[in-house]
Amino acid sequence: MIEPGYFNTDVTNPEKISRATQEAWDRLSPEVKELYGEKFLASGAVPEPGRAASPSAGRLSHCPDVLCRISVQRFAVASLHPPGAAAGFLILAPTAPSLCDPLTMWLSVVALVGLYYLLRWYWERQVVSHLQDKYVFITGCDSGFGNLLARQLDLRGLRVLAACLTEEGAQQLRGQTSDRLETVILDVTKTDSISAATQWVKERVGDRGLWGLVNNAGISMPTAPNEWLTRRDFMKILDVNLLGLLEVTLSLPSLVRKARGRMVNVSSVMGRLSLFGGGYCISKYGVEAFSDSLRRELSYFGVKVAMIEPGYFNTDVTNPEKISRATQEAWDRLSPEVKELYGEKFLASVKKSSEKLKSACCNNLYLVTNCMEHALTACHPRTRYSPGWDAKLLYIPMSYMPTLLVDTMIYWSSPRPIKAL
């Protein structure tokens, strides 16, 4: 992968960026224009390449030539030994012996860590008041996390607006909850369905606004090596997990702004670490990027955006039978040439791994829904939640490791094609 900074190319053309920004501004409703103001537009929401956002950023903000060379080496060497560094070291040296006592050092570390967690516990346990007056709209409530969260929030006294894909799922959910909970049929891949659901939400929340939006709807199939899949296979997942989430979110910001509420987007550890092919990891990376930009933009209006990045849990998304069936269907469509490259043994290994998935998944879905509930009800929610020990101890740490090490770990645990070199 090539990951360049800012270079003078057509991608960073300031005239085109400015023109696109102006066109987006011209399409906005008067309400949104009033929120941001002409001054915001004039200041440049997208800074022109070559114009530093701050004095410190101006030094290396933009390269004037695609093939330019910046003497970073000299800068780095100079910064390692700034004037007075040696003197500063000598001044601090007499105080060093007191820190060399191992017992004192470890006691200090333990005390600081304990104080940090105590303060964090106190900070995060503060709950928003008047929860019984707040509306929360949840997508994907037929089963899994969405279904459990809808029932959980209903027990807390919140006014839950649950979106289900099927009438059967909606009826089942209504039968398990109080009369406060209301359901609507929603297919996040269809604009008309989203528009109808948006109007339905507006009629129910009225002037109070929408306190919470939980984008939970998602699918994971088909999942297989990328070469086995078609564009339609990728789009099937992207339409639900990413594009559907985008459209639902962009249809409701005014209601959430009115309540100064919360948006909770369900991502995955696979949005931090791509372990397999198909559209699932791609969609979750997109959810992460969208949520990061959305969080910064809506923070000006008192709206908080959180991401849920669960590990492996026993839901419909990780159903081993469905994954194995989707893998077999992708294999059956392959050309003889590709089948020969991978071999039947590779297919059998992939399907066997899918069958083992069920035993590796966590059955306690409350670990996820408790994070969602905290993001909606706490005065100070986190930006990211990573429920599941596999997420905390394996996948999130792996996402910070060097690429070479991560690739080696994945190669070691993955089946090899029969014609692998």
Protein backbone atom coordinates (compact mmCIF):
# COMPACT_ATOMS: atom_id res chain seq x y z
CA MET A 1 0.00 0.00 0.00
CA ILE A 2 1.17 3.51 -0.79
CA GLU A 3 -0.01 6.02 1.85
CA PRO A 4 1.20 9.46 0.71
CA GLY A 5 0.67 12.76 2.47
CA TYR A 6 -0.40 15.90 0.61
CA PHE A 7 1.03 16.30 -2.90
CA ASN A 8 0.16 18.70 -5.71
CA THR A 9 -2.01 16.45 -7.87
CA ASP A 10 -5.53 16.60 -9.26
CA VAL A 11 -6.78 14.98 -6.03
CA THR A 12 -5.71 18.02 -4.01
CA ASN A 13 -6.63 20.67 -6.59
CA PRO A 14 -7.81 23.60 -4.42
CA GLU A 15 -10.13 25.02 -7.08
CA LYS A 16 -11.96 21.70 -7.48
CA ILE A 17 -12.18 21.15 -3.72
CA SER A 18 -13.51 24.67 -3.21
CA ARG A 19 -16.05 24.25 -6.03
CA ALA A 20 -17.27 20.89 -4.66
CA THR A 21 -17.61 22.38 -1.18
CA GLN A 22 -19.62 25.29 -2.57
CA GLU A 23 -21.92 22.91 -4.50
CA ALA A 24 -22.54 20.87 -1.34
CA TRP A 25 -23.29 24.11 0.55
CA ASP A 26 -25.76 25.27 -2.11
CA ARG A 27 -27.77 22.05 -1.70
CA LEU A 28 -28.16 22.46 2.07
CA SER A 29 -31.44 23.40 3.70
CA PRO A 30 -31.68 26.90 5.26
CA GLU A 31 -31.77 25.26 8.71
CA VAL A 32 -28.40 23.54 8.25
CA LYS A 33 -26.87 26.67 6.65
CA GLU A 34 -27.92 28.65 9.69
CA LEU A 35 -26.29 26.09 12.00
CA TYR A 36 -22.91 26.30 10.26
CA GLY A 37 -22.94 29.88 9.00
CA GLU A 38 -21.29 31.61 6.06
CA LYS A 39 -18.19 32.18 8.17
CA PHE A 40 -17.67 28.42 8.47
CA LEU A 41 -17.87 28.06 4.68
CA ALA A 42 -15.50 30.98 4.09
CA SER A 43 -12.93 29.69 6.61
CA GLY A 44 -12.51 26.52 4.56
CA ALA A 45 -13.90 23.33 6.08
CA VAL A 46 -11.39 21.61 3.78
CA PRO A 47 -8.08 23.51 4.04
CA GLU A 48 -6.35 24.28 0.79
CA PRO A 49 -3.22 22.19 0.26
CA GLY A 50 -0.18 24.33 0.88
CA ARG A 51 -2.00 26.49 3.43
CA ALA A 52 -1.09 25.41 6.94
CA ALA A 53 -3.87 24.94 9.46
CA SER A 54 -1.55 26.16 12.20
CA PRO A 55 1.98 27.61 12.45
CA SER A 56 3.39 24.26 13.52
CA ALA A 57 1.65 22.43 10.67
CA GLY A 58 3.02 24.89 8.12
CA ARG A 59 6.50 23.41 8.11
CA LEU A 60 5.58 20.14 6.40
CA SER A 61 1.98 20.86 5.39
CA HIS A 62 2.29 20.30 1.64
CA CYS A 63 4.86 19.25 -0.89
CA PRO A 64 5.09 21.70 -3.85
CA ASP A 65 6.44 19.03 -6.20
CA VAL A 66 5.35 15.42 -6.66
CA LEU A 67 9.02 14.37 -6.71
CA CYS A 68 10.15 16.78 -3.99
CA ARG A 69 12.61 15.81 -1.28
CA ILE A 70 12.37 17.17 2.25
CA SER A 71 15.46 16.97 4.44
CA VAL A 72 13.66 15.08 7.18
CA GLN A 73 16.89 13.39 8.24
CA ARG A 74 18.53 16.67 9.23
CA PHE A 75 15.39 17.76 11.06
CA ALA A 76 15.20 14.46 12.94
CA VAL A 77 18.89 14.51 13.94
CA ALA A 78 18.66 18.13 15.10
CA SER A 79 15.51 17.39 17.11
CA LEU A 80 17.21 14.51 18.91
CA HIS A 81 19.80 16.87 20.42
CA PRO A 82 18.22 20.29 20.86
CA PRO A 83 20.28 23.05 22.50
CA GLY A 84 20.46 22.60 26.25
CA ALA A 85 19.55 18.90 26.16
CA ALA A 86 22.81 17.82 27.74
CA ALA A 87 22.54 20.50 30.41
CA GLY A 88 18.96 19.46 31.17
CA PHE A 89 20.08 15.89 31.63
CA LEU A 90 22.81 16.90 34.09
CA ILE A 91 20.35 19.00 36.10
CA LEU A 92 17.90 16.13 36.41
CA ALA A 93 20.54 13.51 37.15
CA PRO A 94 20.78 14.11 40.94
CA THR A 95 17.06 13.28 41.37
CA ALA A 96 17.34 9.99 39.49
CA PRO A 97 18.57 7.71 42.34
CA SER A 98 15.27 8.05 44.21
CA LEU A 99 13.47 6.56 41.20
CA CYS A 100 15.90 3.67 40.85
CA ASP A 101 14.46 1.77 43.81
CA PRO A 102 12.39 -0.97 42.10
CA LEU A 103 9.88 -1.20 44.93
CA THR A 104 9.25 2.56 44.92
CA MET A 105 8.94 2.60 41.15
CA TRP A 106 6.41 -0.25 40.99
CA LEU A 107 4.38 1.12 43.89
CA SER A 108 4.19 4.44 42.07
CA VAL A 109 3.07 2.74 38.86
CA VAL A 110 0.40 0.71 40.66
CA ALA A 111 -0.84 3.81 42.50
CA LEU A 112 -1.09 5.82 39.28
CA VAL A 113 -2.89 3.02 37.43
CA GLY A 114 -5.27 2.51 40.36
CA LEU A 115 -6.00 6.24 40.53
CA TYR A 116 -6.64 6.35 36.78
CA TYR A 117 -9.20 3.51 36.91
CA LEU A 118 -10.85 4.96 40.00
CA LEU A 119 -11.31 8.33 38.32
CA ARG A 120 -12.50 6.68 35.11
CA TRP A 121 -15.01 4.56 37.03
CA TYR A 122 -16.42 7.64 38.73
CA TRP A 123 -16.47 9.61 35.49
CA GLU A 124 -18.25 6.89 33.51
CA ARG A 125 -20.83 5.89 36.12
CA GLN A 126 -22.70 9.21 35.88
CA VAL A 127 -26.04 8.67 34.13
CA VAL A 128 -28.17 11.04 32.06
CA SER A 129 -31.34 12.22 33.81
CA HIS A 130 -34.97 11.84 32.63
CA LEU A 131 -34.31 8.70 30.59
CA GLN A 132 -38.02 7.88 30.51
CA ASP A 133 -38.59 10.92 28.26
CA LYS A 134 -35.94 10.00 25.70
CA TYR A 135 -36.50 8.28 22.35
CA VAL A 136 -34.01 5.81 20.87
CA PHE A 137 -34.24 4.50 17.29
CA ILE A 138 -32.54 1.12 16.69
CA THR A 139 -32.07 -0.64 13.32
CA GLY A 140 -31.79 -4.40 12.88
CA CYS A 141 -34.03 -5.46 15.78
CA ASP A 142 -35.23 -8.80 14.37
CA SER A 143 -32.50 -10.70 16.21
CA GLY A 144 -29.06 -10.46 17.78
CA PHE A 145 -27.72 -7.31 19.38
CA GLY A 146 -30.53 -5.05 18.15
CA ASN A 147 -33.27 -7.28 19.52
CA LEU A 148 -31.60 -7.63 22.90
CA LEU A 149 -30.81 -3.90 23.13
CA ALA A 150 -34.43 -2.97 22.35
CA ARG A 151 -35.67 -5.19 25.22
CA GLN A 152 -32.91 -3.95 27.54
CA LEU A 153 -33.64 -0.26 26.97
CA ASP A 154 -37.37 -0.90 27.28
CA LEU A 155 -36.74 -2.31 30.76
CA ARG A 156 -34.78 0.87 31.61
CA GLY A 157 -37.87 2.91 30.75
CA LEU A 158 -36.63 4.53 27.53
CA ARG A 159 -39.00 5.01 24.61
CA VAL A 160 -37.68 2.53 22.07
CA LEU A 161 -38.41 2.85 18.36
CA ALA A 162 -37.35 -0.51 16.93
CA ALA A 163 -36.80 -1.03 13.20
CA CYS A 164 -37.19 -4.62 11.97
CA LEU A 165 -36.71 -6.08 8.52
CA THR A 166 -39.73 -8.39 8.76
CA GLU A 167 -43.21 -8.14 10.27
CA GLU A 168 -42.61 -11.48 11.97
CA GLY A 169 -39.58 -10.08 13.80
CA ALA A 170 -41.54 -6.96 14.78
CA GLN A 171 -44.44 -8.98 16.21
CA GLN A 172 -42.12 -11.21 18.19
CA LEU A 173 -40.34 -8.20 19.69
CA ARG A 174 -43.58 -6.44 20.62
CA GLY A 175 -44.69 -9.59 22.41
CA GLN A 176 -41.60 -9.49 24.64
CA THR A 177 -41.72 -5.82 25.61
CA SER A 178 -43.97 -3.16 27.12
CA ASP A 179 -46.45 -0.96 25.29
CA ARG A 180 -43.86 1.84 25.21
CA LEU A 181 -41.86 0.07 22.52
CA GLU A 182 -43.00 0.70 18.95
CA THR A 183 -41.84 -1.02 15.78
CA VAL A 184 -41.49 -0.08 12.12
CA ILE A 185 -40.50 -2.11 9.07
CA LEU A 186 -37.21 -0.89 7.60
CA ASP A 187 -34.98 -2.13 4.78
CA VAL A 188 -31.83 -0.02 4.97
CA THR A 189 -30.97 -0.83 1.35
CA LYS A 190 -34.06 0.98 0.02
CA THR A 191 -34.33 4.77 0.00
CA ASP A 192 -38.15 4.73 0.07
CA SER A 193 -38.15 2.52 3.16
CA ILE A 194 -35.67 4.82 4.92
CA SER A 195 -37.72 7.91 4.03
CA ALA A 196 -40.90 6.33 5.38
CA ALA A 197 -39.17 5.26 8.59
CA THR A 198 -37.69 8.75 9.02
CA GLN A 199 -41.14 10.34 8.74
CA TRP A 200 -42.49 7.76 11.20
CA VAL A 201 -39.76 8.68 13.71
CA LYS A 202 -40.42 12.42 13.28
CA GLU A 203 -44.12 11.95 14.04
CA ARG A 204 -43.34 10.14 17.28
CA VAL A 205 -40.53 12.24 18.74
CA GLY A 206 -42.07 15.62 17.88
CA ASP A 207 -40.30 18.62 19.38
CA ARG A 208 -38.32 16.52 21.84
CA GLY A 209 -35.98 15.30 19.14
CA LEU A 210 -34.31 11.90 18.94
CA TRP A 211 -31.99 11.15 21.84
CA GLY A 212 -30.36 8.08 20.35
CA LEU A 213 -29.74 6.51 16.95
CA VAL A 214 -28.25 3.01 16.99
CA ASN A 215 -27.10 1.77 13.57
CA ASN A 216 -27.03 -1.96 14.25
CA ALA A 217 -28.34 -3.59 11.05
CA GLY A 218 -25.67 -5.70 9.38
CA ILE A 219 -24.83 -8.88 7.45
CA SER A 220 -21.59 -10.80 6.86
CA MET A 221 -22.29 -13.12 3.92
CA PRO A 222 -20.95 -13.85 1.40
CA THR A 223 -17.47 -14.17 2.90
CA ALA A 224 -14.69 -15.91 0.95
CA PRO A 225 -11.30 -15.12 -0.61
CA ASN A 226 -11.70 -11.94 -2.67
CA GLU A 227 -10.88 -13.70 -5.94
CA TRP A 228 -13.89 -15.98 -5.44
CA LEU A 229 -16.38 -13.13 -5.24
CA THR A 230 -18.11 -10.83 -7.70
CA ARG A 231 -18.89 -7.12 -7.53
CA ARG A 232 -22.47 -8.01 -6.60
CA ASP A 233 -21.20 -10.05 -3.63
CA PHE A 234 -19.31 -7.02 -2.30
CA MET A 235 -22.19 -4.63 -2.92
CA LYS A 236 -24.67 -6.89 -1.12
CA ILE A 237 -22.76 -6.36 2.14
CA LEU A 238 -21.78 -2.73 1.52
CA ASP A 239 -25.41 -1.77 0.80
CA VAL A 240 -26.46 -2.90 4.28
CA ASN A 241 -23.42 -2.36 6.50
CA LEU A 242 -22.11 0.92 5.10
CA LEU A 243 -24.33 2.64 2.53
CA GLY A 244 -27.52 1.82 4.47
CA LEU A 245 -25.93 3.11 7.67
CA LEU A 246 -24.88 6.30 5.88
CA GLU A 247 -28.35 6.97 4.49
CA VAL A 248 -30.15 6.29 7.78
CA THR A 249 -27.71 8.56 9.63
CA LEU A 250 -27.96 11.39 7.11
CA SER A 251 -31.76 11.31 7.28
CA LEU A 252 -31.90 11.93 11.04
CA PRO A 253 -29.18 14.42 12.12
CA SER A 254 -31.60 17.30 12.70
CA LEU A 255 -33.64 15.21 15.16
CA VAL A 256 -30.53 14.09 17.07
CA ARG A 257 -29.15 17.66 17.11
CA LYS A 258 -32.42 18.91 18.56
CA ALA A 259 -32.05 16.54 21.53
CA ARG A 260 -28.24 16.95 21.72
CA GLY A 261 -28.26 13.19 21.74
CA ARG A 262 -26.15 10.21 20.74
CA MET A 263 -25.30 8.23 17.64
CA VAL A 264 -24.02 4.70 18.15
CA ASN A 265 -22.61 2.86 15.14
CA VAL A 266 -21.94 -0.86 15.35
CA SER A 267 -18.58 -1.57 13.74
CA SER A 268 -16.39 -4.60 14.51
CA VAL A 269 -12.84 -5.57 15.35
CA MET A 270 -12.76 -6.34 11.63
CA GLY A 271 -12.96 -2.58 11.13
CA ARG A 272 -9.53 -2.42 12.75
CA LEU A 273 -8.01 -5.61 11.33
CA SER A 274 -8.93 -7.28 8.03
CA LEU A 275 -8.65 -11.04 8.55
CA PHE A 276 -10.62 -12.35 5.58
CA GLY A 277 -11.90 -11.39 2.15
CA GLY A 278 -15.29 -10.12 1.10
CA GLY A 279 -17.23 -6.95 1.81
CA TYR A 280 -17.58 -7.31 5.58
CA CYS A 281 -14.17 -5.96 6.63
CA ILE A 282 -14.34 -3.27 3.95
CA SER A 283 -17.73 -2.11 5.23
CA LYS A 284 -16.56 -1.96 8.83
CA TYR A 285 -13.45 0.04 7.92
CA GLY A 286 -15.85 2.45 6.21
CA VAL A 287 -18.03 2.64 9.33
CA GLU A 288 -14.95 3.53 11.39
CA ALA A 289 -13.92 6.32 9.00
CA PHE A 290 -17.45 7.72 8.73
CA SER A 291 -17.94 7.65 12.52
CA ASP A 292 -14.64 9.43 13.16
CA SER A 293 -15.49 12.32 10.83
CA LEU A 294 -19.10 12.42 12.04
CA ARG A 295 -18.01 12.59 15.69
CA ARG A 296 -15.85 15.64 15.07
CA GLU A 297 -18.48 17.42 12.97
CA LEU A 298 -21.41 16.88 15.35
CA SER A 299 -19.45 17.65 18.51
CA TYR A 300 -20.00 21.35 17.72
CA PHE A 301 -23.72 20.78 18.34
CA GLY A 302 -23.49 18.72 21.51
CA VAL A 303 -23.99 15.36 19.77
CA LYS A 304 -21.76 12.45 20.82
CA VAL A 305 -20.86 9.62 18.43
CA ALA A 306 -19.67 6.23 19.68
CA MET A 307 -18.51 3.06 17.96
CA ILE A 308 -19.05 -0.51 19.13
CA GLU A 309 -16.25 -2.86 18.01
CA PRO A 310 -17.25 -6.34 19.22
CA GLY A 311 -15.20 -9.48 18.82
CA TYR A 312 -16.82 -12.80 17.87
CA PHE A 313 -20.29 -13.37 19.34
CA ASN A 314 -22.94 -15.97 18.57
CA THR A 315 -25.34 -14.06 16.31
CA ASP A 316 -26.72 -14.49 12.82
CA VAL A 317 -23.65 -12.69 11.48
CA THR A 318 -21.38 -15.53 12.68
CA ASN A 319 -23.74 -18.41 11.87
CA PRO A 320 -21.39 -21.25 10.77
CA GLU A 321 -23.96 -22.99 8.56
CA LYS A 322 -24.68 -19.79 6.61
CA ILE A 323 -20.98 -18.96 6.26
CA SER A 324 -20.18 -22.49 5.05
CA ARG A 325 -23.07 -22.42 2.57
CA ALA A 326 -22.02 -19.02 1.20
CA THR A 327 -18.44 -20.25 0.82
CA GLN A 328 -19.62 -23.33 -1.09
CA GLU A 329 -21.77 -21.19 -3.41
CA ALA A 330 -18.79 -18.93 -4.16
CA TRP A 331 -16.64 -22.01 -4.87
CA ASP A 332 -19.22 -23.50 -7.23
CA ARG A 333 -19.08 -20.34 -9.39
CA LEU A 334 -15.29 -20.42 -9.79
CA SER A 335 -13.54 -21.24 -13.04
CA PRO A 336 -11.64 -24.56 -13.24
CA GLU A 337 -8.38 -22.60 -13.34
CA VAL A 338 -8.99 -20.89 -9.98
CA LYS A 339 -10.31 -24.11 -8.42
CA GLU A 340 -7.08 -25.81 -9.44
CA LEU A 341 -5.02 -23.07 -7.80
CA TYR A 342 -6.76 -23.39 -4.44
CA GLY A 343 -7.74 -27.05 -4.41
CA GLU A 344 -10.55 -28.96 -2.73
CA LYS A 345 -8.43 -29.32 0.40
CA PHE A 346 -8.38 -25.52 0.81
CA LEU A 347 -12.18 -25.39 0.54
CA ALA A 348 -12.53 -28.16 3.12
CA SER A 349 -10.20 -26.30 5.52
CA VAL A 350 -12.17 -23.06 5.16
CA LYS A 351 -15.47 -24.84 5.83
CA LYS A 352 -13.95 -26.67 8.81
CA SER A 353 -12.81 -23.32 10.23
CA SER A 354 -16.37 -22.02 9.85
CA GLU A 355 -17.72 -24.99 11.80
CA LYS A 356 -15.27 -24.30 14.64
CA LEU A 357 -16.40 -20.68 14.77
CA LYS A 358 -19.44 -21.44 16.91
CA SER A 359 -17.36 -22.80 19.79
CA ALA A 360 -15.02 -19.80 19.56
CA CYS A 361 -17.84 -17.25 19.75
CA CYS A 362 -19.03 -15.72 23.01
CA ASN A 363 -22.65 -16.44 23.97
CA ASN A 364 -23.03 -13.50 26.36
CA LEU A 365 -24.53 -10.84 24.08
CA TYR A 366 -25.05 -8.57 27.08
CA LEU A 367 -21.34 -7.70 26.89
CA VAL A 368 -22.18 -5.85 23.66
CA THR A 369 -25.58 -4.42 24.55
CA ASN A 370 -24.27 -3.13 27.88
CA CYS A 371 -21.71 -1.11 25.93
CA MET A 372 -24.47 0.23 23.68
CA GLU A 373 -26.58 1.12 26.71
CA HIS A 374 -23.66 2.92 28.33
CA ALA A 375 -23.03 4.91 25.13
CA LEU A 376 -26.68 6.03 25.20
CA THR A 377 -27.23 6.65 28.92
CA ALA A 378 -23.88 7.74 30.39
CA CYS A 379 -23.08 11.43 30.75
CA HIS A 380 -19.58 10.74 29.49
CA PRO A 381 -19.66 7.88 26.94
CA ARG A 382 -16.51 6.47 25.43
CA THR A 383 -15.58 7.01 21.79
CA ARG A 384 -14.97 3.29 21.22
CA TYR A 385 -16.14 0.15 23.00
CA SER A 386 -14.50 -3.24 22.36
CA PRO A 387 -16.64 -5.90 24.05
CA GLY A 388 -15.28 -9.45 24.25
CA TRP A 389 -11.98 -10.75 25.57
CA ASP A 390 -10.86 -11.72 22.07
CA ALA A 391 -11.28 -8.10 20.99
CA LYS A 392 -9.47 -6.67 24.02
CA LEU A 393 -6.60 -9.16 24.27
CA LEU A 394 -6.07 -10.26 20.66
CA TYR A 395 -7.60 -8.29 17.80
CA ILE A 396 -7.24 -4.72 19.08
CA PRO A 397 -3.58 -5.27 20.13
CA MET A 398 -2.93 -6.91 16.74
CA SER A 399 -4.24 -3.80 14.99
CA TYR A 400 -1.33 -1.83 16.51
CA MET A 401 1.36 -4.39 15.67
CA PRO A 402 3.74 -4.08 12.71
CA THR A 403 2.20 -5.31 9.45
CA LEU A 404 4.88 -7.97 8.96
CA LEU A 405 4.13 -9.51 12.36
CA VAL A 406 0.36 -9.49 11.81
CA ASP A 407 0.74 -11.05 8.35
CA THR A 408 2.94 -13.80 9.80
CA MET A 409 0.37 -14.57 12.51
CA ILE A 410 -2.44 -14.78 9.94
CA TYR A 411 -0.40 -16.93 7.54
CA TRP A 412 0.40 -19.31 10.41
CA SER A 413 -3.27 -19.81 11.30
CA SER A 414 -4.81 -19.82 7.79
CA PRO A 415 -5.09 -22.65 5.22
CA ARG A 416 -2.77 -22.50 2.22
CA PRO A 417 -3.84 -22.91 -1.41
CA ILE A 418 -2.60 -26.15 -2.92
CA LYS A 419 -0.56 -24.28 -5.58
CA ALA A 420 0.93 -21.78 -3.09
CA LEU A 421 4.60 -20.97 -3.77
